[in-house]
N, C-alpha and C. Protein backbone atom coordinates (compact mmCIF):
# COMPACT_ATOMS: atom_id res chain seq x y z
N MET A 1 8.44 -7.63 23.95
CA MET A 1 8.11 -6.55 23.23
C MET A 1 9.00 -6.17 21.97
N LYS A 2 10.50 -6.43 22.60
CA LYS A 2 11.39 -6.10 21.20
C LYS A 2 11.20 -6.82 20.14
N LYS A 3 10.93 -8.11 20.26
CA LYS A 3 10.63 -8.98 19.14
C LYS A 3 9.67 -8.49 18.24
N ILE A 4 8.68 -7.96 19.02
CA ILE A 4 7.24 -7.55 18.12
C ILE A 4 7.78 -6.13 17.34
N THR A 5 8.47 -5.37 18.10
CA THR A 5 9.03 -4.06 17.68
C THR A 5 9.69 -4.30 16.44
N ILE A 6 10.62 -5.13 16.52
CA ILE A 6 11.74 -5.45 15.31
C ILE A 6 11.08 -6.06 14.26
N ALA A 7 10.25 -6.76 14.57
CA ALA A 7 9.43 -7.36 13.29
C ALA A 7 8.45 -6.15 12.69
N TYR A 8 7.93 -5.54 13.65
CA TYR A 8 6.89 -4.22 13.38
C TYR A 8 7.76 -3.20 12.32
N TRP A 9 8.94 -2.96 12.72
CA TRP A 9 9.65 -1.99 11.84
C TRP A 9 10.17 -2.61 10.55
N ILE A 10 10.45 -4.12 10.69
CA ILE A 10 10.74 -4.69 9.27
C ILE A 10 9.70 -4.80 8.10
N VAL A 11 8.76 -5.33 8.82
CA VAL A 11 7.42 -5.29 7.76
C VAL A 11 6.87 -4.02 7.39
N ASN A 12 6.80 -3.11 8.31
CA ASN A 12 6.32 -1.61 7.95
C ASN A 12 7.21 -1.05 7.04
N GLY A 13 8.42 -1.38 7.17
CA GLY A 13 9.60 -0.83 6.07
C GLY A 13 9.30 -1.05 4.95
N LEU A 14 9.37 -2.62 4.74
CA LEU A 14 8.89 -3.28 3.55
C LEU A 14 8.04 -2.82 2.84
N LEU A 15 6.65 -2.62 3.59
CA LEU A 15 5.37 -2.33 2.92
C LEU A 15 5.55 -0.78 2.73
N ALA A 16 6.23 0.07 3.48
CA ALA A 16 6.31 1.75 2.91
C ALA A 16 7.10 1.73 1.92
N ALA A 17 8.20 0.66 1.64
CA ALA A 17 9.27 0.66 0.43
C ALA A 17 8.39 0.50 -0.66
N PHE A 18 7.50 -0.44 -0.63
CA PHE A 18 6.74 -0.96 -2.02
C PHE A 18 5.95 0.14 -2.54
N MET A 19 5.24 0.72 -1.11
CA MET A 19 4.04 1.73 -1.73
C MET A 19 4.78 2.98 -2.18
N ILE A 20 5.90 3.38 -1.89
CA ILE A 20 6.65 4.43 -2.30
C ILE A 20 7.14 4.30 -3.67
N PHE A 21 7.82 3.14 -3.83
CA PHE A 21 8.72 2.85 -4.98
C PHE A 21 7.59 2.53 -6.13
N SER A 22 6.36 1.95 -5.99
CA SER A 22 5.36 1.88 -7.06
C SER A 22 4.64 3.15 -7.14
N SER A 23 4.63 4.09 -6.44
CA SER A 23 4.16 5.37 -6.56
C SER A 23 4.63 6.44 -7.24
N LEU A 24 5.84 6.24 -7.27
CA LEU A 24 6.91 7.31 -7.72
C LEU A 24 6.61 7.75 -9.18
N ASP A 25 6.31 6.68 -9.96
CA ASP A 25 5.84 6.86 -11.50
C ASP A 25 4.69 7.53 -11.87
N ASN A 26 3.83 7.32 -10.48
CA ASN A 26 2.32 7.99 -10.87
C ASN A 26 2.68 9.25 -10.32
N VAL A 27 3.12 9.67 -9.31
CA VAL A 27 3.20 11.18 -9.01
C VAL A 27 3.51 12.06 -9.97
N VAL A 28 4.35 11.53 -10.71
CA VAL A 28 4.88 12.64 -12.13
C VAL A 28 4.24 12.11 -13.41
N THR A 29 3.09 11.29 -13.27
CA THR A 29 2.06 10.65 -14.03
C THR A 29 3.32 10.35 -15.39
N GLY A 30 3.84 9.51 -15.06
CA GLY A 30 5.08 9.01 -16.07
C GLY A 30 4.32 8.11 -17.33
N GLU A 31 5.03 7.92 -18.28
CA GLU A 31 4.13 7.26 -19.40
C GLU A 31 3.84 5.62 -19.03
N GLN A 32 4.78 4.90 -18.19
CA GLN A 32 4.30 3.74 -17.86
C GLN A 32 3.18 3.58 -17.07
N SER A 33 2.81 4.73 -16.41
CA SER A 33 1.66 4.76 -15.43
C SER A 33 0.60 5.03 -16.34
N VAL A 34 0.86 6.11 -17.41
CA VAL A 34 -0.42 6.20 -17.93
C VAL A 34 -0.70 5.20 -18.61
N ALA A 35 0.19 4.45 -19.33
CA ALA A 35 -0.09 3.32 -20.35
C ALA A 35 -0.74 2.24 -19.49
N PHE A 36 -0.53 1.91 -18.25
CA PHE A 36 -0.98 0.91 -17.41
C PHE A 36 -2.32 1.42 -16.86
N ILE A 37 -2.40 2.35 -16.07
CA ILE A 37 -3.52 2.62 -15.22
C ILE A 37 -4.52 3.45 -16.19
N HIS A 38 -4.37 4.28 -17.07
CA HIS A 38 -5.36 4.71 -18.00
C HIS A 38 -5.73 4.04 -19.00
N ASP A 39 -4.58 3.70 -19.98
CA ASP A 39 -4.83 3.05 -21.29
C ASP A 39 -5.28 1.31 -21.21
N LYS A 40 -4.71 0.76 -20.33
CA LYS A 40 -5.12 -0.67 -19.96
C LYS A 40 -6.18 -0.87 -19.18
N MET A 41 -6.06 -0.04 -17.84
CA MET A 41 -7.15 -0.21 -16.93
C MET A 41 -8.51 0.69 -16.88
N GLY A 42 -8.16 1.68 -17.88
CA GLY A 42 -9.22 2.51 -17.80
C GLY A 42 -9.49 3.60 -16.87
N TYR A 43 -8.70 3.99 -16.14
CA TYR A 43 -8.98 5.09 -14.98
C TYR A 43 -8.31 6.20 -15.67
N PRO A 44 -8.93 7.46 -15.22
CA PRO A 44 -8.63 8.84 -15.66
C PRO A 44 -7.42 9.06 -15.18
N VAL A 45 -6.86 9.78 -16.17
CA VAL A 45 -5.46 10.45 -15.87
C VAL A 45 -5.06 11.18 -14.69
N TYR A 46 -6.27 12.10 -14.18
CA TYR A 46 -6.13 12.52 -13.22
C TYR A 46 -5.94 11.97 -11.75
N PHE A 47 -6.34 10.48 -11.92
CA PHE A 47 -6.57 9.86 -10.82
C PHE A 47 -5.05 9.35 -10.54
N ILE A 48 -4.11 9.40 -11.40
CA ILE A 48 -3.05 8.64 -11.33
C ILE A 48 -2.02 9.29 -10.42
N PRO A 49 -1.74 10.59 -10.31
CA PRO A 49 -0.87 11.55 -9.41
C PRO A 49 -1.67 11.54 -7.99
N TRP A 50 -3.00 11.49 -7.97
CA TRP A 50 -3.78 11.48 -6.86
C TRP A 50 -3.36 10.02 -6.12
N ILE A 51 -3.46 9.05 -6.84
CA ILE A 51 -3.24 7.79 -5.99
C ILE A 51 -1.76 7.67 -5.58
N GLY A 52 -0.71 8.15 -6.56
CA GLY A 52 0.48 8.04 -5.77
C GLY A 52 0.88 8.93 -4.84
N VAL A 53 0.16 10.08 -4.74
CA VAL A 53 0.56 11.18 -3.56
C VAL A 53 0.09 10.49 -2.46
N ALA A 54 -1.21 9.73 -2.39
CA ALA A 54 -1.94 9.16 -1.39
C ALA A 54 -1.02 8.20 -0.73
N LYS A 55 -0.45 7.22 -1.65
CA LYS A 55 0.20 6.30 -1.25
C LYS A 55 1.41 6.67 -0.34
N ILE A 56 2.20 7.60 -1.19
CA ILE A 56 3.36 8.23 -0.16
C ILE A 56 3.03 8.74 1.18
N LEU A 57 1.96 9.42 1.29
CA LEU A 57 1.43 9.85 2.56
C LEU A 57 1.31 8.86 3.29
N GLY A 58 0.54 7.92 2.81
CA GLY A 58 0.32 6.78 3.81
C GLY A 58 1.70 5.93 4.19
N ALA A 59 2.65 5.67 3.36
CA ALA A 59 3.93 5.19 3.56
C ALA A 59 4.41 5.93 4.79
N ILE A 60 4.45 7.28 4.74
CA ILE A 60 5.16 8.21 5.84
C ILE A 60 4.38 8.03 6.93
N ALA A 61 3.01 8.01 6.95
CA ALA A 61 2.05 8.15 8.28
C ALA A 61 2.49 6.61 9.02
N ILE A 62 2.62 5.20 8.43
CA ILE A 62 3.05 4.37 8.80
C ILE A 62 4.38 4.20 9.50
N LEU A 63 5.20 5.20 9.30
CA LEU A 63 6.81 5.08 9.55
C LEU A 63 7.02 6.08 10.56
N LEU A 64 6.16 7.08 11.10
CA LEU A 64 6.39 7.99 11.90
C LEU A 64 5.62 7.73 12.92
N PRO A 65 6.79 7.45 14.21
CA PRO A 65 6.27 6.76 15.29
C PRO A 65 5.44 8.02 16.02
N MET A 66 5.34 9.28 15.95
CA MET A 66 4.64 10.33 16.67
C MET A 66 3.31 10.29 16.24
N LEU A 67 2.99 9.87 15.08
CA LEU A 67 1.53 9.91 14.97
C LEU A 67 0.60 9.15 15.50
N PRO A 68 -0.39 9.66 15.55
CA PRO A 68 -1.48 8.89 16.60
C PRO A 68 -1.80 7.65 15.77
N ALA A 69 -2.35 6.53 16.65
CA ALA A 69 -2.87 5.13 16.18
C ALA A 69 -3.68 5.30 14.93
N ARG A 70 -4.81 6.31 15.18
CA ARG A 70 -5.61 6.44 14.48
C ARG A 70 -5.38 6.62 12.97
N VAL A 71 -4.51 7.65 12.89
CA VAL A 71 -3.81 8.01 11.65
C VAL A 71 -3.34 6.63 10.90
N LYS A 72 -2.62 6.04 11.39
CA LYS A 72 -1.82 4.66 11.08
C LYS A 72 -3.04 3.77 10.50
N GLU A 73 -3.98 3.65 11.24
CA GLU A 73 -5.18 2.86 10.91
C GLU A 73 -5.67 2.95 9.61
N TRP A 74 -6.18 4.53 9.66
CA TRP A 74 -6.57 5.06 7.88
C TRP A 74 -5.39 4.81 7.05
N ALA A 75 -4.37 4.79 7.22
CA ALA A 75 -3.20 4.42 6.13
C ALA A 75 -3.12 3.14 5.73
N TYR A 76 -3.43 2.36 6.97
CA TYR A 76 -3.52 0.73 6.41
C TYR A 76 -4.62 0.27 5.72
N PHE A 77 -5.91 1.00 5.97
CA PHE A 77 -7.22 1.05 5.41
C PHE A 77 -6.91 1.44 3.77
N GLY A 78 -6.14 2.61 3.60
CA GLY A 78 -6.16 3.22 2.57
C GLY A 78 -5.15 2.23 1.54
N PHE A 79 -4.11 1.45 2.27
CA PHE A 79 -3.23 0.54 1.27
C PHE A 79 -4.25 -0.40 0.79
N PHE A 80 -5.21 -1.15 1.97
CA PHE A 80 -6.03 -2.13 1.59
C PHE A 80 -7.02 -1.88 0.67
N MET A 81 -7.41 -0.62 0.43
CA MET A 81 -8.42 -0.31 -0.47
C MET A 81 -7.45 -0.09 -1.94
N ASP A 82 -6.34 0.24 -1.92
CA ASP A 82 -5.59 0.34 -2.95
C ASP A 82 -5.50 -1.01 -3.97
N LEU A 83 -4.81 -1.96 -2.82
CA LEU A 83 -4.34 -3.31 -3.14
C LEU A 83 -5.58 -4.25 -3.68
N SER A 84 -6.53 -4.04 -2.84
CA SER A 84 -7.86 -4.75 -3.50
C SER A 84 -8.43 -4.26 -4.65
N THR A 85 -8.35 -2.89 -4.85
CA THR A 85 -8.99 -2.23 -6.09
C THR A 85 -8.06 -2.66 -7.29
N ALA A 86 -6.80 -2.85 -6.94
CA ALA A 86 -6.03 -3.23 -8.04
C ALA A 86 -6.05 -4.86 -8.57
N ILE A 87 -6.39 -5.76 -7.50
CA ILE A 87 -6.77 -6.97 -7.80
C ILE A 87 -8.05 -7.28 -8.41
N TYR A 88 -8.98 -6.27 -7.91
CA TYR A 88 -10.30 -6.42 -8.51
C TYR A 88 -10.20 -5.70 -10.16
N SER A 89 -9.57 -4.77 -10.23
CA SER A 89 -9.44 -4.14 -11.62
C SER A 89 -8.76 -5.32 -12.70
N PHE A 90 -7.87 -6.12 -12.22
CA PHE A 90 -7.05 -7.26 -13.11
C PHE A 90 -8.21 -8.02 -13.27
N ILE A 91 -8.95 -8.73 -12.08
CA ILE A 91 -10.12 -9.60 -12.52
C ILE A 91 -11.09 -9.12 -13.42
N ALA A 92 -11.60 -7.69 -13.13
CA ALA A 92 -12.61 -7.16 -14.35
C ALA A 92 -12.11 -7.25 -15.56
N LEU A 93 -11.00 -6.87 -15.75
CA LEU A 93 -10.04 -6.92 -17.04
C LEU A 93 -10.00 -8.26 -17.71
N GLY A 94 -10.09 -9.29 -17.09
CA GLY A 94 -10.26 -10.72 -17.14
C GLY A 94 -8.64 -11.18 -17.40
N GLU A 95 -7.84 -10.47 -16.64
CA GLU A 95 -6.44 -10.75 -16.69
C GLU A 95 -6.28 -12.48 -15.98
N HIS A 96 -5.42 -13.10 -16.54
CA HIS A 96 -5.20 -14.16 -16.09
C HIS A 96 -4.51 -14.10 -14.78
N VAL A 97 -4.82 -15.18 -13.83
CA VAL A 97 -4.02 -14.87 -12.02
C VAL A 97 -2.95 -14.83 -12.14
N SER A 98 -2.08 -15.48 -12.89
CA SER A 98 -0.80 -15.27 -13.09
C SER A 98 0.02 -13.93 -13.07
N GLY A 99 -1.25 -12.93 -13.76
CA GLY A 99 -0.74 -11.42 -13.88
C GLY A 99 -0.85 -10.73 -12.65
N TYR A 100 -1.60 -11.20 -11.88
CA TYR A 100 -1.91 -10.37 -10.45
C TYR A 100 -1.83 -11.05 -9.36
N ALA A 101 -1.50 -12.55 -9.25
CA ALA A 101 -1.13 -13.25 -8.11
C ALA A 101 -0.28 -12.60 -7.11
N PRO A 102 0.92 -11.86 -7.68
CA PRO A 102 1.98 -11.34 -6.66
C PRO A 102 1.27 -10.18 -6.02
N MET A 103 0.34 -9.87 -6.24
CA MET A 103 -0.39 -8.78 -5.31
C MET A 103 -0.71 -9.38 -4.24
N PHE A 104 -0.97 -10.71 -4.06
CA PHE A 104 -1.34 -11.33 -2.65
C PHE A 104 -0.18 -11.39 -1.80
N ILE A 105 0.63 -11.11 -2.52
CA ILE A 105 2.13 -10.93 -1.33
C ILE A 105 2.28 -9.89 -0.56
N PHE A 106 1.82 -8.85 -1.33
CA PHE A 106 1.76 -7.39 -0.80
C PHE A 106 0.48 -7.28 0.19
N VAL A 107 -0.43 -7.90 -0.40
CA VAL A 107 -1.70 -8.17 0.75
C VAL A 107 -1.15 -8.77 1.98
N GLY A 108 -0.72 -9.89 1.92
CA GLY A 108 -0.11 -10.67 3.14
C GLY A 108 0.78 -9.61 3.97
N VAL A 109 1.56 -9.14 3.01
CA VAL A 109 2.54 -7.99 4.15
C VAL A 109 1.81 -7.22 4.84
N LEU A 110 0.67 -6.45 4.02
CA LEU A 110 -0.14 -5.47 4.46
C LEU A 110 -0.76 -5.75 5.73
N ILE A 111 -1.25 -7.18 5.91
CA ILE A 111 -1.84 -8.00 7.07
C ILE A 111 -1.09 -8.08 8.05
N ALA A 112 0.17 -8.44 7.74
CA ALA A 112 1.28 -8.90 8.90
C ALA A 112 1.59 -7.47 9.51
N ALA A 113 1.78 -6.35 8.66
CA ALA A 113 1.90 -5.18 9.15
C ALA A 113 0.79 -4.45 10.06
N TYR A 114 -0.31 -4.69 9.68
CA TYR A 114 -1.52 -4.31 10.69
C TYR A 114 -1.69 -5.16 12.03
N ILE A 115 -1.38 -6.10 11.71
CA ILE A 115 -1.30 -7.31 13.02
C ILE A 115 -0.40 -6.87 13.90
N LEU A 116 0.74 -6.80 13.32
CA LEU A 116 1.96 -6.21 14.26
C LEU A 116 1.58 -4.76 14.97
N HIS A 117 1.02 -4.01 14.16
CA HIS A 117 0.55 -2.58 14.73
C HIS A 117 -0.11 -2.75 15.79
N HIS A 118 -1.16 -3.58 15.75
CA HIS A 118 -2.07 -3.98 17.03
C HIS A 118 -1.23 -4.58 18.28
N LYS A 119 -0.38 -5.45 17.73
CA LYS A 119 0.46 -6.25 18.94
C LYS A 119 1.26 -5.30 19.62
N ARG A 120 1.98 -4.49 18.80
CA ARG A 120 2.70 -3.36 19.70
C ARG A 120 1.92 -2.42 20.49
N LEU A 121 0.87 -2.03 19.74
CA LEU A 121 0.05 -1.18 20.73
C LEU A 121 -0.55 -1.92 22.00
N LYS A 122 -0.82 -2.97 21.95
CA LYS A 122 -1.34 -3.78 22.97
C LYS A 122 -0.21 -4.19 23.92
N ALA A 123 1.09 -4.33 23.42
CA ALA A 123 2.22 -4.62 24.37
C ALA A 123 2.76 -3.15 24.98
N ALA A 124 2.28 -2.10 24.71
CA ALA A 124 2.69 -0.74 24.76
C ALA A 124 1.71 -0.30 25.90
N ALA A 125 0.64 -0.89 25.96
CA ALA A 125 -0.64 -0.66 26.92
C ALA A 125 -0.42 -1.16 28.46
């Protein structure tokens, strides 16, 4: 149980850090976010702070131990939708695979976090 818990916190901490740091410019609708998400990808500007706030709330949800498992499940699902939509957007724009290949690392971290979440729940039961 101790190894699972340590691995859980490390992987979820990495996932939460990635999500928070990638959303900070979104929340304030920074120039880089507008140039990338709106100008390049074509998403509306009002979407940018919305997705930033959602990612921060999801990161908080997976880090707070007192939240129910169901809330964490929705946070993991939201992160999966965010990352898969980003990858799909790159593909739809015709970007070379080298432009979005690093996203698969974060998908892998997300999958590991989700698996460890369930292992931790099973070990606690």
